[in-house]
Amino acid sequence: MTKADLIDEVSRLAELTRKDSEVIVETIFDSVVRSLRAGDKIEIRGFGSFRTRQRKPRVGRNPKTGERVEVPAKKIPFFKPSKELKDLVNEAAAAPPAPAPPATTVPPTA
């Protein structure tokens, strides 16, 4: 699902204009980014939590030349799904596939 798909889904389910739905989705994403930049943890009950993790500096290699490259320390966003989300995803994966609708055949014409 892309951001555009998400906006369309919000628009359809909430019966809002696409523009209003886009404002809602953008506001949520901007709020998450602002909170992560500030070092806050975001917890959405039943969905999961977002936080940042600190990566240590390290020595990497340029894959093209093989040259050693110093990679500085940095913060990365990290998502941890909730138990409910894990259960819902695994429940859907464990469910048997829905039966296919019967195929209709058209008799050949002579």
PDB file of N, CA and C in Angstrom:
ATOM      1  N   MET A   1       0.857  -1.172   0.000  1.00  0.00           N
ATOM      2  CA  MET A   1       0.000   0.000   0.000  1.00  0.00           C
ATOM      3  C   MET A   1       0.903   1.236   0.000  1.00  0.00           C
ATOM      4  N   THR A   2       0.608   2.177  -0.852  1.00  0.00           N
ATOM      5  CA  THR A   2       1.355   3.422  -0.924  1.00  0.00           C
ATOM      6  C   THR A   2       0.624   4.508  -0.139  1.00  0.00           C
ATOM      7  N   LYS A   3       1.278   5.651   0.006  1.00  0.00           N
ATOM      8  CA  LYS A   3       0.637   6.766   0.709  1.00  0.00           C
ATOM      9  C   LYS A   3      -0.618   7.197  -0.040  1.00  0.00           C
ATOM     10  N   ALA A   4      -0.566   7.204  -1.370  1.00  0.00           N
ATOM     11  CA  ALA A   4      -1.737   7.575  -2.167  1.00  0.00           C
ATOM     12  C   ALA A   4      -2.886   6.588  -1.936  1.00  0.00           C
ATOM     13  N   ASP A   5      -2.564   5.292  -1.840  1.00  0.00           N
ATOM     14  CA  ASP A   5      -3.593   4.282  -1.553  1.00  0.00           C
ATOM     15  C   ASP A   5      -4.213   4.517  -0.179  1.00  0.00           C
ATOM     16  N   LEU A   6      -3.367   4.860   0.783  1.00  0.00           N
ATOM     17  CA  LEU A   6      -3.857   5.135   2.131  1.00  0.00           C
ATOM     18  C   LEU A   6      -4.787   6.347   2.130  1.00  0.00           C
ATOM     19  N   ILE A   7      -4.415   7.393   1.418  1.00  0.00           N
ATOM     20  CA  ILE A   7      -5.258   8.588   1.317  1.00  0.00           C
ATOM     21  C   ILE A   7      -6.596   8.240   0.674  1.00  0.00           C
ATOM     22  N   ASP A   8      -6.563   7.449  -0.383  1.00  0.00           N
ATOM     23  CA  ASP A   8      -7.808   7.030  -1.042  1.00  0.00           C
ATOM     24  C   ASP A   8      -8.688   6.213  -0.095  1.00  0.00           C
ATOM     25  N   GLU A   9      -8.064   5.338   0.691  1.00  0.00           N
ATOM     26  CA  GLU A   9      -8.814   4.496   1.636  1.00  0.00           C
ATOM     27  C   GLU A   9      -9.475   5.353   2.720  1.00  0.00           C
ATOM     28  N   VAL A  10      -8.738   6.321   3.267  1.00  0.00           N
ATOM     29  CA  VAL A  10      -9.296   7.223   4.279  1.00  0.00           C
ATOM     30  C   VAL A  10     -10.449   8.016   3.674  1.00  0.00           C
ATOM     31  N   SER A  11     -10.256   8.493   2.465  1.00  0.00           N
ATOM     32  CA  SER A  11     -11.285   9.275   1.781  1.00  0.00           C
ATOM     33  C   SER A  11     -12.565   8.461   1.601  1.00  0.00           C
ATOM     34  N   ARG A  12     -12.390   7.214   1.195  1.00  0.00           N
ATOM     35  CA  ARG A  12     -13.542   6.343   0.941  1.00  0.00           C
ATOM     36  C   ARG A  12     -14.254   5.965   2.236  1.00  0.00           C
ATOM     37  N   LEU A  13     -13.487   5.532   3.245  1.00  0.00           N
ATOM     38  CA  LEU A  13     -14.100   5.057   4.482  1.00  0.00           C
ATOM     39  C   LEU A  13     -14.694   6.180   5.329  1.00  0.00           C
ATOM     40  N   ALA A  14     -14.059   7.333   5.341  1.00  0.00           N
ATOM     41  CA  ALA A  14     -14.544   8.445   6.155  1.00  0.00           C
ATOM     42  C   ALA A  14     -15.480   9.363   5.377  1.00  0.00           C
ATOM     43  N   GLU A  15     -15.675   9.047   4.112  1.00  0.00           N
ATOM     44  CA  GLU A  15     -16.527   9.845   3.226  1.00  0.00           C
ATOM     45  C   GLU A  15     -16.102  11.317   3.247  1.00  0.00           C
ATOM     46  N   LEU A  16     -14.802  11.528   3.046  1.00  0.00           N
ATOM     47  CA  LEU A  16     -14.221  12.863   2.983  1.00  0.00           C
ATOM     48  C   LEU A  16     -13.694  13.103   1.569  1.00  0.00           C
ATOM     49  N   THR A  17     -13.392  14.354   1.286  1.00  0.00           N
ATOM     50  CA  THR A  17     -12.770  14.632  -0.010  1.00  0.00           C
ATOM     51  C   THR A  17     -11.344  14.109   0.037  1.00  0.00           C
ATOM     52  N   ARG A  18     -10.781  13.902  -1.132  1.00  0.00           N
ATOM     53  CA  ARG A  18      -9.408  13.405  -1.203  1.00  0.00           C
ATOM     54  C   ARG A  18      -8.455  14.420  -0.574  1.00  0.00           C
ATOM     55  N   LYS A  19      -8.730  15.690  -0.780  1.00  0.00           N
ATOM     56  CA  LYS A  19      -7.873  16.744  -0.232  1.00  0.00           C
ATOM     57  C   LYS A  19      -7.886  16.721   1.297  1.00  0.00           C
ATOM     58  N   ASP A  20      -9.070  16.579   1.892  1.00  0.00           N
ATOM     59  CA  ASP A  20      -9.173  16.506   3.358  1.00  0.00           C
ATOM     60  C   ASP A  20      -8.452  15.267   3.888  1.00  0.00           C
ATOM     61  N   SER A  21      -8.602  14.159   3.192  1.00  0.00           N
ATOM     62  CA  SER A  21      -7.940  12.918   3.600  1.00  0.00           C
ATOM     63  C   SER A  21      -6.425  13.061   3.508  1.00  0.00           C
ATOM     64  N   GLU A  22      -5.966  13.751   2.477  1.00  0.00           N
ATOM     65  CA  GLU A  22      -4.531  13.962   2.314  1.00  0.00           C
ATOM     66  C   GLU A  22      -3.973  14.798   3.473  1.00  0.00           C
ATOM     67  N   VAL A  23      -4.715  15.817   3.894  1.00  0.00           N
ATOM     68  CA  VAL A  23      -4.296  16.652   5.022  1.00  0.00           C
ATOM     69  C   VAL A  23      -4.203  15.803   6.295  1.00  0.00           C
ATOM     70  N   ILE A  24      -5.161  14.934   6.514  1.00  0.00           N
ATOM     71  CA  ILE A  24      -5.171  14.074   7.702  1.00  0.00           C
ATOM     72  C   ILE A  24      -3.960  13.146   7.709  1.00  0.00           C
ATOM     73  N   VAL A  25      -3.731  12.450   6.609  1.00  0.00           N
ATOM     74  CA  VAL A  25      -2.621  11.496   6.524  1.00  0.00           C
ATOM     75  C   VAL A  25      -1.284  12.223   6.668  1.00  0.00           C
ATOM     76  N   GLU A  26      -1.113  13.352   5.987  1.00  0.00           N
ATOM     77  CA  GLU A  26       0.131  14.122   6.077  1.00  0.00           C
ATOM     78  C   GLU A  26       0.363  14.620   7.507  1.00  0.00           C
ATOM     79  N   THR A  27      -0.700  15.061   8.185  1.00  0.00           N
ATOM     80  CA  THR A  27      -0.577  15.547   9.556  1.00  0.00           C
ATOM     81  C   THR A  27      -0.107  14.431  10.488  1.00  0.00           C
ATOM     82  N   ILE A  28      -0.660  13.251  10.325  1.00  0.00           N
ATOM     83  CA  ILE A  28      -0.245  12.111  11.155  1.00  0.00           C
ATOM     84  C   ILE A  28       1.224  11.789  10.913  1.00  0.00           C
ATOM     85  N   PHE A  29       1.632  11.692   9.650  1.00  0.00           N
ATOM     86  CA  PHE A  29       3.026  11.378   9.336  1.00  0.00           C
ATOM     87  C   PHE A  29       3.968  12.462   9.856  1.00  0.00           C
ATOM     88  N   ASP A  30       3.597  13.721   9.680  1.00  0.00           N
ATOM     89  CA  ASP A  30       4.433  14.828  10.162  1.00  0.00           C
ATOM     90  C   ASP A  30       4.572  14.786  11.684  1.00  0.00           C
ATOM     91  N   SER A  31       3.486  14.440  12.375  1.00  0.00           N
ATOM     92  CA  SER A  31       3.527  14.345  13.838  1.00  0.00           C
ATOM     93  C   SER A  31       4.474  13.232  14.283  1.00  0.00           C
ATOM     94  N   VAL A  32       4.439  12.113  13.609  1.00  0.00           N
ATOM     95  CA  VAL A  32       5.322  10.996  13.940  1.00  0.00           C
ATOM     96  C   VAL A  32       6.780  11.415  13.735  1.00  0.00           C
ATOM     97  N   VAL A  33       7.077  12.050  12.601  1.00  0.00           N
ATOM     98  CA  VAL A  33       8.448  12.465  12.297  1.00  0.00           C
ATOM     99  C   VAL A  33       8.932  13.490  13.326  1.00  0.00           C
ATOM    100  N   ARG A  34       8.107  14.469  13.651  1.00  0.00           N
ATOM    101  CA  ARG A  34       8.480  15.489  14.637  1.00  0.00           C
ATOM    102  C   ARG A  34       8.791  14.857  15.993  1.00  0.00           C
ATOM    103  N   SER A  35       7.969  13.924  16.411  1.00  0.00           N
ATOM    104  CA  SER A  35       8.176  13.260  17.696  1.00  0.00           C
ATOM    105  C   SER A  35       9.469  12.435  17.694  1.00  0.00           C
ATOM    106  N   LEU A  36       9.730  11.728  16.617  1.00  0.00           N
ATOM    107  CA  LEU A  36      10.960  10.938  16.537  1.00  0.00           C
ATOM    108  C   LEU A  36      12.192  11.836  16.526  1.00  0.00           C
ATOM    109  N   ARG A  37      12.114  12.958  15.822  1.00  0.00           N
ATOM    110  CA  ARG A  37      13.236  13.903  15.807  1.00  0.00           C
ATOM    111  C   ARG A  37      13.516  14.439  17.205  1.00  0.00           C
ATOM    112  N   ALA A  38      12.459  14.645  17.985  1.00  0.00           N
ATOM    113  CA  ALA A  38      12.606  15.160  19.342  1.00  0.00           C
ATOM    114  C   ALA A  38      13.061  14.077  20.316  1.00  0.00           C
ATOM    115  N   GLY A  39      13.152  12.840  19.850  1.00  0.00           N
ATOM    116  CA  GLY A  39      13.590  11.743  20.709  1.00  0.00           C
ATOM    117  C   GLY A  39      12.464  11.087  21.474  1.00  0.00           C
ATOM    118  N   ASP A  40      11.218  11.424  21.155  1.00  0.00           N
ATOM    119  CA  ASP A  40      10.067  10.837  21.846  1.00  0.00           C
ATOM    120  C   ASP A  40       9.741   9.462  21.269  1.00  0.00           C
ATOM    121  N   LYS A  41       9.036   8.670  22.062  1.00  0.00           N
ATOM    122  CA  LYS A  41       8.536   7.370  21.626  1.00  0.00           C
ATOM    123  C   LYS A  41       7.059   7.537  21.310  1.00  0.00           C
ATOM    124  N   ILE A  42       6.605   6.966  20.221  1.00  0.00           N
ATOM    125  CA  ILE A  42       5.196   7.023  19.834  1.00  0.00           C
ATOM    126  C   ILE A  42       4.614   5.629  20.027  1.00  0.00           C
ATOM    127  N   GLU A  43       3.549   5.540  20.799  1.00  0.00           N
ATOM    128  CA  GLU A  43       2.909   4.250  21.031  1.00  0.00           C
ATOM    129  C   GLU A  43       1.454   4.324  20.591  1.00  0.00           C
ATOM    130  N   ILE A  44       1.082   3.446  19.679  1.00  0.00           N
ATOM    131  CA  ILE A  44      -0.301   3.352  19.207  1.00  0.00           C
ATOM    132  C   ILE A  44      -0.812   1.991  19.670  1.00  0.00           C
ATOM    133  N   ARG A  45      -1.648   2.007  20.681  1.00  0.00           N
ATOM    134  CA  ARG A  45      -2.140   0.757  21.280  1.00  0.00           C
ATOM    135  C   ARG A  45      -2.814  -0.115  20.229  1.00  0.00           C
ATOM    136  N   GLY A  46      -2.477  -1.391  20.251  1.00  0.00           N
ATOM    137  CA  GLY A  46      -3.056  -2.337  19.307  1.00  0.00           C
ATOM    138  C   GLY A  46      -2.370  -2.332  17.957  1.00  0.00           C
ATOM    139  N   PHE A  47      -1.407  -1.419  17.744  1.00  0.00           N
ATOM    140  CA  PHE A  47      -0.699  -1.347  16.462  1.00  0.00           C
ATOM    141  C   PHE A  47       0.793  -1.547  16.656  1.00  0.00           C
ATOM    142  N   GLY A  48       1.415  -0.708  17.503  1.00  0.00           N
ATOM    143  CA  GLY A  48       2.842  -0.839  17.743  1.00  0.00           C
ATOM    144  C   GLY A  48       3.436   0.462  18.230  1.00  0.00           C
ATOM    145  N   SER A  49       4.756   0.491  18.315  1.00  0.00           N
ATOM    146  CA  SER A  49       5.429   1.699  18.788  1.00  0.00           C
ATOM    147  C   SER A  49       6.597   2.040  17.868  1.00  0.00           C
ATOM    148  N   PHE A  50       6.838   3.340  17.755  1.00  0.00           N
ATOM    149  CA  PHE A  50       7.948   3.873  16.984  1.00  0.00           C
ATOM    150  C   PHE A  50       8.918   4.522  17.963  1.00  0.00           C
ATOM    151  N   ARG A  51      10.215   4.350  17.729  1.00  0.00           N
ATOM    152  CA  ARG A  51      11.229   5.040  18.502  1.00  0.00           C
ATOM    153  C   ARG A  51      12.498   5.087  17.668  1.00  0.00           C
ATOM    154  N   THR A  52      13.491   5.782  18.170  1.00  0.00           N
ATOM    155  CA  THR A  52      14.756   5.824  17.447  1.00  0.00           C
ATOM    156  C   THR A  52      15.778   4.972  18.182  1.00  0.00           C
ATOM    157  N   ARG A  53      16.715   4.439  17.425  1.00  0.00           N
ATOM    158  CA  ARG A  53      17.831   3.687  17.981  1.00  0.00           C
ATOM    159  C   ARG A  53      19.110   4.367  17.519  1.00  0.00           C
ATOM    160  N   GLN A  54      20.116   4.333  18.373  1.00  0.00           N
ATOM    161  CA  GLN A  54      21.399   4.951  18.045  1.00  0.00           C
ATOM    162  C   GLN A  54      22.316   3.893  17.434  1.00  0.00           C
ATOM    163  N   ARG A  55      22.875   4.187  16.275  1.00  0.00           N
ATOM    164  CA  ARG A  55      23.869   3.314  15.649  1.00  0.00           C
ATOM    165  C   ARG A  55      25.251   3.872  15.932  1.00  0.00           C
ATOM    166  N   LYS A  56      26.179   3.019  16.278  1.00  0.00           N
ATOM    167  CA  LYS A  56      27.551   3.444  16.574  1.00  0.00           C
ATOM    168  C   LYS A  56      28.304   3.739  15.273  1.00  0.00           C
ATOM    169  N   PRO A  57      29.345   4.567  15.359  1.00  0.00           N
ATOM    170  CA  PRO A  57      30.154   4.785  14.154  1.00  0.00           C
ATOM    171  C   PRO A  57      30.888   3.488  13.806  1.00  0.00           C
ATOM    172  N   ARG A  58      31.188   3.307  12.538  1.00  0.00           N
ATOM    173  CA  ARG A  58      31.855   2.078  12.110  1.00  0.00           C
ATOM    174  C   ARG A  58      32.654   2.355  10.840  1.00  0.00           C
ATOM    175  N   VAL A  59      33.450   1.387  10.478  1.00  0.00           N
ATOM    176  CA  VAL A  59      34.216   1.481   9.241  1.00  0.00           C
ATOM    177  C   VAL A  59      33.526   0.588   8.220  1.00  0.00           C
ATOM    178  N   GLY A  60      33.150   1.177   7.090  1.00  0.00           N
ATOM    179  CA  GLY A  60      32.514   0.422   6.023  1.00  0.00           C
ATOM    180  C   GLY A  60      33.429   0.353   4.816  1.00  0.00           C
ATOM    181  N   ARG A  61      32.963  -0.228   3.762  1.00  0.00           N
ATOM    182  CA  ARG A  61      33.729  -0.321   2.525  1.00  0.00           C
ATOM    183  C   ARG A  61      32.874   0.152   1.361  1.00  0.00           C
ATOM    184  N   ASN A  62      33.493   0.905   0.472  1.00  0.00           N
ATOM    185  CA  ASN A  62      32.837   1.309  -0.764  1.00  0.00           C
ATOM    186  C   ASN A  62      32.749   0.060  -1.638  1.00  0.00           C
ATOM    187  N   PRO A  63      31.536  -0.382  -2.002  1.00  0.00           N
ATOM    188  CA  PRO A  63      31.417  -1.631  -2.759  1.00  0.00           C
ATOM    189  C   PRO A  63      32.052  -1.556  -4.151  1.00  0.00           C
ATOM    190  N   LYS A  64      32.153  -0.360  -4.697  1.00  0.00           N
ATOM    191  CA  LYS A  64      32.703  -0.217  -6.049  1.00  0.00           C
ATOM    192  C   LYS A  64      34.231  -0.294  -6.047  1.00  0.00           C
ATOM    193  N   THR A  65      34.860   0.418  -5.087  1.00  0.00           N
ATOM    194  CA  THR A  65      36.323   0.505  -5.079  1.00  0.00           C
ATOM    195  C   THR A  65      36.965  -0.344  -3.997  1.00  0.00           C
ATOM    196  N   GLY A  66      36.209  -0.765  -2.988  1.00  0.00           N
ATOM    197  CA  GLY A  66      36.765  -1.521  -1.879  1.00  0.00           C
ATOM    198  C   GLY A  66      37.459  -0.630  -0.863  1.00  0.00           C
ATOM    199  N   GLU A  67      37.419   0.685  -1.071  1.00  0.00           N
ATOM    200  CA  GLU A  67      38.061   1.646  -0.183  1.00  0.00           C
ATOM    201  C   GLU A  67      37.338   1.703   1.155  1.00  0.00           C
ATOM    202  N   ARG A  68      38.118   1.866   2.247  1.00  0.00           N
ATOM    203  CA  ARG A  68      37.550   1.996   3.596  1.00  0.00           C
ATOM    204  C   ARG A  68      36.867   3.354   3.719  1.00  0.00           C
ATOM    205  N   VAL A  69      35.676   3.353   4.337  1.00  0.00           N
ATOM    206  CA  VAL A  69      34.908   4.583   4.514  1.00  0.00           C
ATOM    207  C   VAL A  69      34.446   4.648   5.964  1.00  0.00           C
ATOM    208  N   GLU A  70      34.637   5.809   6.603  1.00  0.00           N
ATOM    209  CA  GLU A  70      34.155   6.008   7.966  1.00  0.00           C
ATOM    210  C   GLU A  70      32.661   6.325   7.908  1.00  0.00           C
ATOM    211  N   VAL A  71      31.853   5.511   8.574  1.00  0.00           N
ATOM    212  CA  VAL A  71      30.406   5.744   8.640  1.00  0.00           C
ATOM    213  C   VAL A  71      30.117   6.342  10.014  1.00  0.00           C
ATOM    214  N   PRO A  72      29.594   7.577  10.067  1.00  0.00           N
ATOM    215  CA  PRO A  72      29.379   8.230  11.366  1.00  0.00           C
ATOM    216  C   PRO A  72      28.214   7.606  12.144  1.00  0.00           C
ATOM    217  N   ALA A  73      28.164   7.913  13.443  1.00  0.00           N
ATOM    218  CA  ALA A  73      27.040   7.484  14.281  1.00  0.00           C
ATOM    219  C   ALA A  73      25.776   8.178  13.786  1.00  0.00           C
ATOM    220  N   LYS A  74      24.644   7.499  13.925  1.00  0.00           N
ATOM    221  CA  LYS A  74      23.382   8.107  13.488  1.00  0.00           C
ATOM    222  C   LYS A  74      22.219   7.461  14.208  1.00  0.00           C
ATOM    223  N   LYS A  75      21.092   8.169  14.192  1.00  0.00           N
ATOM    224  CA  LYS A  75      19.847   7.648  14.756  1.00  0.00           C
ATOM    225  C   LYS A  75      19.023   7.067  13.608  1.00  0.00           C
ATOM    226  N   ILE A  76      18.391   5.933  13.871  1.00  0.00           N
ATOM    227  CA  ILE A  76      17.518   5.327  12.873  1.00  0.00           C
ATOM    228  C   ILE A  76      16.147   5.090  13.492  1.00  0.00           C
ATOM    229  N   PRO A  77      15.067   5.251  12.704  1.00  0.00           N
ATOM    230  CA  PRO A  77      13.733   4.945  13.230  1.00  0.00           C
ATOM    231  C   PRO A  77      13.552   3.430  13.337  1.00  0.00           C
ATOM    232  N   PHE A  78      12.816   3.008  14.352  1.00  0.00           N
ATOM    233  CA  PHE A  78      12.578   1.595  14.608  1.00  0.00           C
ATOM    234  C   PHE A  78      11.113   1.409  14.960  1.00  0.00           C
ATOM    235  N   PHE A  79      10.469   0.402  14.362  1.00  0.00           N
ATOM    236  CA  PHE A  79       9.068   0.091  14.645  1.00  0.00           C
ATOM    237  C   PHE A  79       8.985  -1.275  15.291  1.00  0.00           C
ATOM    238  N   LYS A  80       8.259  -1.358  16.388  1.00  0.00           N
ATOM    239  CA  LYS A  80       8.018  -2.633  17.058  1.00  0.00           C
ATOM    240  C   LYS A  80       6.514  -2.889  17.045  1.00  0.00           C
ATOM    241  N   PRO A  81       6.066  -3.911  16.325  1.00  0.00           N
ATOM    242  CA  PRO A  81       4.625  -4.183  16.275  1.00  0.00           C
ATOM    243  C   PRO A  81       4.107  -4.707  17.613  1.00  0.00           C
ATOM    244  N   SER A  82       2.834  -4.407  17.887  1.00  0.00           N
ATOM    245  CA  SER A  82       2.215  -4.891  19.123  1.00  0.00           C
ATOM    246  C   SER A  82       1.869  -6.365  18.975  1.00  0.00           C
ATOM    247  N   LYS A  83       1.595  -6.997  20.097  1.00  0.00           N
ATOM    248  CA  LYS A  83       1.198  -8.407  20.081  1.00  0.00           C
ATOM    249  C   LYS A  83      -0.095  -8.585  19.284  1.00  0.00           C
ATOM    250  N   GLU A  84      -1.034  -7.627  19.445  1.00  0.00           N
ATOM    251  CA  GLU A  84      -2.308  -7.730  18.716  1.00  0.00           C
ATOM    252  C   GLU A  84      -2.087  -7.686  17.203  1.00  0.00           C
ATOM    253  N   LEU A  85      -1.191  -6.794  16.746  1.00  0.00           N
ATOM    254  CA  LEU A  85      -0.914  -6.703  15.315  1.00  0.00           C
ATOM    255  C   LEU A  85      -0.267  -7.985  14.810  1.00  0.00           C
ATOM    256  N   LYS A  86       0.682  -8.517  15.564  1.00  0.00           N
ATOM    257  CA  LYS A  86       1.325  -9.779  15.177  1.00  0.00           C
ATOM    258  C   LYS A  86       0.294 -10.897  15.070  1.00  0.00           C
ATOM    259  N   ASP A  87      -0.598 -10.957  16.075  1.00  0.00           N
ATOM    260  CA  ASP A  87      -1.629 -12.004  16.068  1.00  0.00           C
ATOM    261  C   ASP A  87      -2.567 -11.856  14.868  1.00  0.00           C
ATOM    262  N   LEU A  88      -2.962 -10.620  14.553  1.00  0.00           N
ATOM    263  CA  LEU A  88      -3.852 -10.397  13.414  1.00  0.00           C
ATOM    264  C   LEU A  88      -3.189 -10.797  12.103  1.00  0.00           C
ATOM    265  N   VAL A  89      -1.919 -10.461  11.944  1.00  0.00           N
ATOM    266  CA  VAL A  89      -1.200 -10.804  10.714  1.00  0.00           C
ATOM    267  C   VAL A  89      -1.048 -12.311  10.600  1.00  0.00           C
ATOM    268  N   ASN A  90      -0.684 -12.962  11.700  1.00  0.00           N
ATOM    269  CA  ASN A  90      -0.509 -14.413  11.669  1.00  0.00           C
ATOM    270  C   ASN A  90      -1.825 -15.154  11.533  1.00  0.00           C
ATOM    271  N   GLU A  91      -2.896 -14.587  12.083  1.00  0.00           N
ATOM    272  CA  GLU A  91      -4.224 -15.179  11.939  1.00  0.00           C
ATOM    273  C   GLU A  91      -4.629 -15.184  10.468  1.00  0.00           C
ATOM    274  N   ALA A  92      -4.368 -14.085   9.770  1.00  0.00           N
ATOM    275  CA  ALA A  92      -4.709 -13.991   8.350  1.00  0.00           C
ATOM    276  C   ALA A  92      -3.861 -14.959   7.535  1.00  0.00           C
ATOM    277  N   ALA A  93      -2.601 -15.147   7.928  1.00  0.00           N
ATOM    278  CA  ALA A  93      -1.717 -16.049   7.194  1.00  0.00           C
ATOM    279  C   ALA A  93      -2.104 -17.504   7.423  1.00  0.00           C
ATOM    280  N   ALA A  94      -2.637 -17.830   8.618  1.00  0.00           N
ATOM    281  CA  ALA A  94      -2.983 -19.208   8.948  1.00  0.00           C
ATOM    282  C   ALA A  94      -4.363 -19.608   8.421  1.00  0.00           C
ATOM    283  N   ALA A  95      -5.200 -18.632   8.099  1.00  0.00           N
ATOM    284  CA  ALA A  95      -6.552 -18.934   7.622  1.00  0.00           C
ATOM    285  C   ALA A  95      -6.491 -19.577   6.240  1.00  0.00           C
ATOM    286  N   PRO A  96      -7.353 -20.553   5.991  1.00  0.00           N
ATOM    287  CA  PRO A  96      -7.351 -21.170   4.669  1.00  0.00           C
ATOM    288  C   PRO A  96      -7.828 -20.167   3.623  1.00  0.00           C
ATOM    289  N   PRO A  97      -7.307 -20.270   2.409  1.00  0.00           N
ATOM    290  CA  PRO A  97      -7.729 -19.328   1.367  1.00  0.00           C
ATOM    291  C   PRO A  97      -9.209 -19.480   1.064  1.00  0.00           C
ATOM    292  N   ALA A  98      -9.835 -18.374   0.723  1.00  0.00           N
ATOM    293  CA  ALA A  98     -11.260 -18.393   0.376  1.00  0.00           C
ATOM    294  C   ALA A  98     -11.450 -19.185  -0.915  1.00  0.00           C
ATOM    295  N   PRO A  99     -12.538 -19.943  -0.997  1.00  0.00           N
ATOM    296  CA  PRO A  99     -12.756 -20.719  -2.226  1.00  0.00           C
ATOM    297  C   PRO A  99     -12.991 -19.779  -3.414  1.00  0.00           C
ATOM    298  N   ALA A 100     -12.480 -20.191  -4.545  1.00  0.00           N
ATOM    299  CA  ALA A 100     -12.639 -19.393  -5.762  1.00  0.00           C
ATOM    300  C   ALA A 100     -14.079 -19.527  -6.254  1.00  0.00           C
ATOM    301  N   PRO A 101     -14.622 -18.462  -6.823  1.00  0.00           N
ATOM    302  CA  PRO A 101     -15.979 -18.568  -7.365  1.00  0.00           C
ATOM    303  C   PRO A 101     -15.986 -19.544  -8.534  1.00  0.00           C
ATOM    304  N   PRO A 102     -17.108 -20.225  -8.741  1.00  0.00           N
ATOM    305  CA  PRO A 102     -17.154 -21.207  -9.825  1.00  0.00           C
ATOM    306  C   PRO A 102     -16.954 -20.518 -11.174  1.00  0.00           C
ATOM    307  N   ALA A 103     -16.177 -21.185 -12.008  1.00  0.00           N
ATOM    308  CA  ALA A 103     -15.907 -20.629 -13.334  1.00  0.00           C
ATOM    309  C   ALA A 103     -17.124 -20.856 -14.232  1.00  0.00           C
ATOM    310  N   THR A 104     -17.434 -19.853 -14.992  1.00  0.00           N
ATOM    311  CA  THR A 104     -18.533 -19.998 -15.942  1.00  0.00           C
ATOM    312  C   THR A 104     -17.945 -20.312 -17.300  1.00  0.00           C
ATOM    313  N   THR A 105     -18.538 -21.276 -17.925  1.00  0.00           N
ATOM    314  CA  THR A 105     -18.040 -21.661 -19.251  1.00  0.00           C
ATOM    315  C   THR A 105     -19.052 -21.248 -20.289  1.00  0.00           C
ATOM    316  N   VAL A 106     -18.525 -20.793 -21.375  1.00  0.00           N
ATOM    317  CA  VAL A 106     -19.378 -20.390 -22.494  1.00  0.00           C
ATOM    318  C   VAL A 106     -19.262 -21.489 -23.547  1.00  0.00           C
ATOM    319  N   PRO A 107     -20.415 -22.075 -23.942  1.00  0.00           N
ATOM    320  CA  PRO A 107     -20.333 -23.155 -24.932  1.00  0.00           C
ATOM    321  C   PRO A 107     -19.817 -22.591 -26.259  1.00  0.00           C
ATOM    322  N   PRO A 108     -18.996 -23.362 -26.937  1.00  0.00           N
ATOM    323  CA  PRO A 108     -18.465 -22.888 -28.227  1.00  0.00           C
ATOM    324  C   PRO A 108     -19.599 -22.740 -29.250  1.00  0.00           C
ATOM    325  N   THR A 109     -19.486 -21.739 -30.072  1.00  0.00           N
ATOM    326  CA  THR A 109     -20.484 -21.540 -31.119  1.00  0.00           C
ATOM    327  C   THR A 109     -19.961 -22.140 -32.407  1.00  0.00           C
ATOM    328  N   ALA A 110     -20.877 -22.675 -33.198  1.00  0.00           N
ATOM    329  CA  ALA A 110     -20.472 -23.350 -34.429  1.00  0.00           C
ATOM    330  C   ALA A 110     -20.564 -22.449 -35.611  1.00  0.00           C
TER     331      ALA A 110
END
